[in-house]
Amino acid sequence: MSVGVFVAIRGPDNSFLLVKHAYGERKWSLPGGKLEQGELVPNGGQRETLEEAGVIVQIIRQVGIFSLRKTFGIAILLEGRIIGGKLKPDNKETSDCGFFKIDELRQEEIYPAQLSLLMWADATEGRTMSVYGWLSVPPTPKP
């Protein structure tokens, strides 16, 4: 089983940083990818964000751990904030990056699991306890 780590980074007006994949379906995604063997989860999120979007992030909290049926066995969602670097795609894995509001995204432009992760990050803003379970669309966090 593989473990994926993704980072939700809030921008202006409740937008989130997304990267556009330069391979496969070329859809938008949160910065993230496979956790390397022996790598700590926050370090993996920082590495993936720097590689894909060119920015250095501080990890603020763990939003949740979700079971996935496709791609990764487990997805760990973190929340971070930009503390350095310059926003730019790496032009290998990603072809573009920018901030988007959830309601501005068309479903065909973003992977369904990524949309769900975005919705979970948004729905759990300000919470200190992580969410655990199946990745659902729409999110169903309990107060």
C-alpha atoms as a PDB file:
ATOM      1  CA  MET A   1       0.000   0.000   0.000  1.00  0.00           C
ATOM      2  CA  SER A   2       1.302   3.440  -0.838  1.00  0.00           C
ATOM      3  CA  VAL A   3       0.786   6.653   1.077  1.00  0.00           C
ATOM      4  CA  GLY A   4       0.078   9.976  -0.601  1.00  0.00           C
ATOM      5  CA  VAL A   5       0.478  13.348   1.061  1.00  0.00           C
ATOM      6  CA  PHE A   6      -1.270  16.513  -0.149  1.00  0.00           C
ATOM      7  CA  VAL A   7      -1.087  20.098   1.098  1.00  0.00           C
ATOM      8  CA  ALA A   8      -4.009  22.541   1.155  1.00  0.00           C
ATOM      9  CA  ILE A   9      -2.692  26.113   1.079  1.00  0.00           C
ATOM     10  CA  ARG A  10      -5.193  28.932   1.471  1.00  0.00           C
ATOM     11  CA  GLY A  11      -4.807  32.056  -0.570  1.00  0.00           C
ATOM     12  CA  PRO A  12      -6.752  35.269  -0.894  1.00  0.00           C
ATOM     13  CA  ASP A  13     -10.554  35.225  -0.757  1.00  0.00           C
ATOM     14  CA  ASN A  14     -10.766  31.610   0.467  1.00  0.00           C
ATOM     15  CA  SER A  15      -8.934  30.258  -2.570  1.00  0.00           C
ATOM     16  CA  PHE A  16      -6.535  27.293  -2.581  1.00  0.00           C
ATOM     17  CA  LEU A  17      -3.228  26.668  -4.339  1.00  0.00           C
ATOM     18  CA  LEU A  18      -3.573  24.091  -7.113  1.00  0.00           C
ATOM     19  CA  VAL A  19      -1.081  22.661  -9.597  1.00  0.00           C
ATOM     20  CA  LYS A  20      -1.923  21.386 -13.080  1.00  0.00           C
ATOM     21  CA  HIS A  21      -0.387  18.041 -13.941  1.00  0.00           C
ATOM     22  CA  ALA A  22       1.768  17.936 -17.076  1.00  0.00           C
ATOM     23  CA  TYR A  23       0.986  14.245 -17.614  1.00  0.00           C
ATOM     24  CA  GLY A  24      -1.991  11.907 -17.817  1.00  0.00           C
ATOM     25  CA  GLU A  25      -5.319  13.721 -17.799  1.00  0.00           C
ATOM     26  CA  ARG A  26      -3.596  17.094 -17.165  1.00  0.00           C
ATOM     27  CA  LYS A  27      -6.024  18.067 -14.433  1.00  0.00           C
ATOM     28  CA  TRP A  28      -5.698  20.336 -11.412  1.00  0.00           C
ATOM     29  CA  SER A  29      -4.628  18.939  -8.056  1.00  0.00           C
ATOM     30  CA  LEU A  30      -3.403  19.988  -4.657  1.00  0.00           C
ATOM     31  CA  PRO A  31       0.397  19.868  -4.473  1.00  0.00           C
ATOM     32  CA  GLY A  32       1.341  16.389  -3.342  1.00  0.00           C
ATOM     33  CA  GLY A  33       2.345  12.872  -4.208  1.00  0.00           C
ATOM     34  CA  LYS A  34       3.848   9.703  -2.812  1.00  0.00           C
ATOM     35  CA  LEU A  35       5.530   9.744   0.551  1.00  0.00           C
ATOM     36  CA  GLU A  36       9.066   8.392   0.202  1.00  0.00           C
ATOM     37  CA  GLN A  37      10.200   5.491   2.370  1.00  0.00           C
ATOM     38  CA  GLY A  38      11.398   6.773   5.751  1.00  0.00           C
ATOM     39  CA  GLU A  39      10.123  10.307   5.071  1.00  0.00           C
ATOM     40  CA  LEU A  40       8.122  12.113   7.736  1.00  0.00           C
ATOM     41  CA  VAL A  41       4.663  13.211   6.596  1.00  0.00           C
ATOM     42  CA  PRO A  42       5.226  16.983   7.022  1.00  0.00           C
ATOM     43  CA  ASN A  43       8.558  16.740   5.190  1.00  0.00           C
ATOM     44  CA  GLY A  44       6.877  14.900   2.317  1.00  0.00           C
ATOM     45  CA  GLY A  45       4.249  17.628   2.023  1.00  0.00           C
ATOM     46  CA  GLN A  46       6.924  20.318   2.035  1.00  0.00           C
ATOM     47  CA  ARG A  47       9.030  18.467  -0.563  1.00  0.00           C
ATOM     48  CA  GLU A  48       6.117  17.862  -2.929  1.00  0.00           C
ATOM     49  CA  THR A  49       4.925  21.478  -2.682  1.00  0.00           C
ATOM     50  CA  LEU A  50       8.407  22.830  -3.406  1.00  0.00           C
ATOM     51  CA  GLU A  51       8.880  20.417  -6.339  1.00  0.00           C
ATOM     52  CA  GLU A  52       5.490  21.045  -7.935  1.00  0.00           C
ATOM     53  CA  ALA A  53       4.775  24.705  -7.124  1.00  0.00           C
ATOM     54  CA  GLY A  54       8.161  26.257  -6.279  1.00  0.00           C
ATOM     55  CA  VAL A  55       7.141  27.466  -2.821  1.00  0.00           C
ATOM     56  CA  ILE A  56       8.359  26.670   0.678  1.00  0.00           C
ATOM     57  CA  VAL A  57       5.560  25.878   3.110  1.00  0.00           C
ATOM     58  CA  GLN A  58       5.157  25.586   6.817  1.00  0.00           C
ATOM     59  CA  ILE A  59       2.805  22.761   7.776  1.00  0.00           C
ATOM     60  CA  ILE A  60       0.128  24.070  10.136  1.00  0.00           C
ATOM     61  CA  ARG A  61      -1.937  20.971  10.846  1.00  0.00           C
ATOM     62  CA  GLN A  62      -3.034  17.576   9.663  1.00  0.00           C
ATOM     63  CA  VAL A  63      -6.537  17.881   8.229  1.00  0.00           C
ATOM     64  CA  GLY A  64      -7.215  14.175   7.858  1.00  0.00           C
ATOM     65  CA  ILE A  65      -6.232  10.684   6.795  1.00  0.00           C
ATOM     66  CA  PHE A  66      -8.405   9.111   4.116  1.00  0.00           C
ATOM     67  CA  SER A  67      -8.670   5.682   2.509  1.00  0.00           C
ATOM     68  CA  LEU A  68      -8.715   5.814  -1.294  1.00  0.00           C
ATOM     69  CA  ARG A  69      -9.858   3.235  -3.794  1.00  0.00           C
ATOM     70  CA  LYS A  70      -7.630   4.517  -6.618  1.00  0.00           C
ATOM     71  CA  THR A  71      -4.039   5.745  -7.010  1.00  0.00           C
ATOM     72  CA  PHE A  72      -2.892   5.800  -3.374  1.00  0.00           C
ATOM     73  CA  GLY A  73      -3.981   3.434  -0.624  1.00  0.00           C
ATOM     74  CA  ILE A  74      -4.029   6.268   1.901  1.00  0.00           C
ATOM     75  CA  ALA A  75      -4.107  10.043   1.418  1.00  0.00           C
ATOM     76  CA  ILE A  76      -2.913  12.322   4.195  1.00  0.00           C
ATOM     77  CA  LEU A  77      -4.188  15.873   3.870  1.00  0.00           C
ATOM     78  CA  LEU A  78      -2.186  18.656   5.486  1.00  0.00           C
ATOM     79  CA  GLU A  79      -2.787  22.379   5.725  1.00  0.00           C
ATOM     80  CA  GLY A  80       0.151  24.668   5.086  1.00  0.00           C
ATOM     81  CA  ARG A  81       1.078  28.270   4.480  1.00  0.00           C
ATOM     82  CA  ILE A  82       3.656  29.744   2.128  1.00  0.00           C
ATOM     83  CA  ILE A  83       6.752  31.119   3.860  1.00  0.00           C
ATOM     84  CA  GLY A  84       9.132  31.466   0.901  1.00  0.00           C
ATOM     85  CA  GLY A  85      10.013  30.634  -2.680  1.00  0.00           C
ATOM     86  CA  LYS A  86       8.365  31.790  -5.880  1.00  0.00           C
ATOM     87  CA  LEU A  87       5.145  30.321  -7.242  1.00  0.00           C
ATOM     88  CA  LYS A  88       6.043  28.518 -10.479  1.00  0.00           C
ATOM     89  CA  PRO A  89       5.382  25.095 -12.011  1.00  0.00           C
ATOM     90  CA  ASP A  90       8.335  22.743 -12.383  1.00  0.00           C
ATOM     91  CA  ASN A  91       7.451  22.090 -16.081  1.00  0.00           C
ATOM     92  CA  LYS A  92       8.075  18.345 -15.607  1.00  0.00           C
ATOM     93  CA  GLU A  93       5.280  17.146 -13.345  1.00  0.00           C
ATOM     94  CA  THR A  94       3.304  20.393 -13.402  1.00  0.00           C
ATOM     95  CA  SER A  95       2.555  22.839 -16.214  1.00  0.00           C
ATOM     96  CA  ASP A  96       0.769  25.573 -14.253  1.00  0.00           C
ATOM     97  CA  CYS A  97      -0.133  26.624 -10.726  1.00  0.00           C
ATOM     98  CA  GLY A  98      -2.363  29.213  -9.137  1.00  0.00           C
ATOM     99  CA  PHE A  99      -5.041  29.979  -6.578  1.00  0.00           C
ATOM    100  CA  PHE A 100      -8.653  28.957  -7.208  1.00  0.00           C
ATOM    101  CA  LYS A 101     -11.919  29.064  -5.302  1.00  0.00           C
ATOM    102  CA  ILE A 102     -13.667  25.719  -5.045  1.00  0.00           C
ATOM    103  CA  ASP A 103     -16.816  27.011  -6.757  1.00  0.00           C
ATOM    104  CA  GLU A 104     -14.769  28.311  -9.712  1.00  0.00           C
ATOM    105  CA  LEU A 105     -13.542  24.831 -10.658  1.00  0.00           C
ATOM    106  CA  ARG A 106     -15.397  22.806 -13.248  1.00  0.00           C
ATOM    107  CA  GLN A 107     -15.595  19.123 -12.326  1.00  0.00           C
ATOM    108  CA  GLU A 108     -13.892  18.036 -15.538  1.00  0.00           C
ATOM    109  CA  GLU A 109     -10.850  20.187 -14.678  1.00  0.00           C
ATOM    110  CA  ILE A 110     -10.010  18.556 -11.331  1.00  0.00           C
ATOM    111  CA  TYR A 111      -9.661  14.960 -10.191  1.00  0.00           C
ATOM    112  CA  PRO A 112     -12.740  13.935  -8.130  1.00  0.00           C
ATOM    113  CA  ALA A 113     -10.620  12.845  -5.152  1.00  0.00           C
ATOM    114  CA  GLN A 114      -8.780  16.166  -5.234  1.00  0.00           C
ATOM    115  CA  LEU A 115     -12.056  18.092  -5.214  1.00  0.00           C
ATOM    116  CA  SER A 116     -13.106  16.093  -2.176  1.00  0.00           C
ATOM    117  CA  LEU A 117      -9.795  16.839  -0.417  1.00  0.00           C
ATOM    118  CA  LEU A 118     -10.288  20.551  -1.133  1.00  0.00           C
ATOM    119  CA  MET A 119     -13.810  20.392   0.263  1.00  0.00           C
ATOM    120  CA  TRP A 120     -12.572  18.616   3.400  1.00  0.00           C
ATOM    121  CA  ALA A 121      -9.875  21.260   3.922  1.00  0.00           C
ATOM    122  CA  ASP A 122     -12.485  23.986   3.557  1.00  0.00           C
ATOM    123  CA  ALA A 123     -15.106  22.282   5.746  1.00  0.00           C
ATOM    124  CA  THR A 124     -12.687  21.660   8.613  1.00  0.00           C
ATOM    125  CA  GLU A 125     -11.074  25.114   8.754  1.00  0.00           C
ATOM    126  CA  GLY A 126     -10.263  26.068  12.321  1.00  0.00           C
ATOM    127  CA  ARG A 127     -10.616  22.540  13.674  1.00  0.00           C
ATOM    128  CA  THR A 128      -7.724  21.066  15.595  1.00  0.00           C
ATOM    129  CA  MET A 129      -8.697  17.398  15.435  1.00  0.00           C
ATOM    130  CA  SER A 130      -7.995  15.374  12.299  1.00  0.00           C
ATOM    131  CA  VAL A 131     -10.666  13.576  10.306  1.00  0.00           C
ATOM    132  CA  TYR A 132     -10.222   9.852   9.601  1.00  0.00           C
ATOM    133  CA  GLY A 133     -12.136   7.620   7.191  1.00  0.00           C
ATOM    134  CA  TRP A 134     -13.192   7.113   3.594  1.00  0.00           C
ATOM    135  CA  LEU A 135     -12.832  10.055   1.256  1.00  0.00           C
ATOM    136  CA  SER A 136     -16.414  11.183   0.654  1.00  0.00           C
ATOM    137  CA  VAL A 137     -17.945  13.684  -1.727  1.00  0.00           C
ATOM    138  CA  PRO A 138     -19.287  15.953  -0.424  1.00  0.00           C
ATOM    139  CA  PRO A 139     -17.461  16.008   2.912  1.00  0.00           C
ATOM    140  CA  THR A 140     -19.522  15.004   5.894  1.00  0.00           C
ATOM    141  CA  PRO A 141     -17.621  16.275   8.942  1.00  0.00           C
ATOM    142  CA  LYS A 142     -19.488  16.231  12.216  1.00  0.00           C
ATOM    143  CA  PRO A 143     -19.331  19.363  14.416  1.00  0.00           C
END
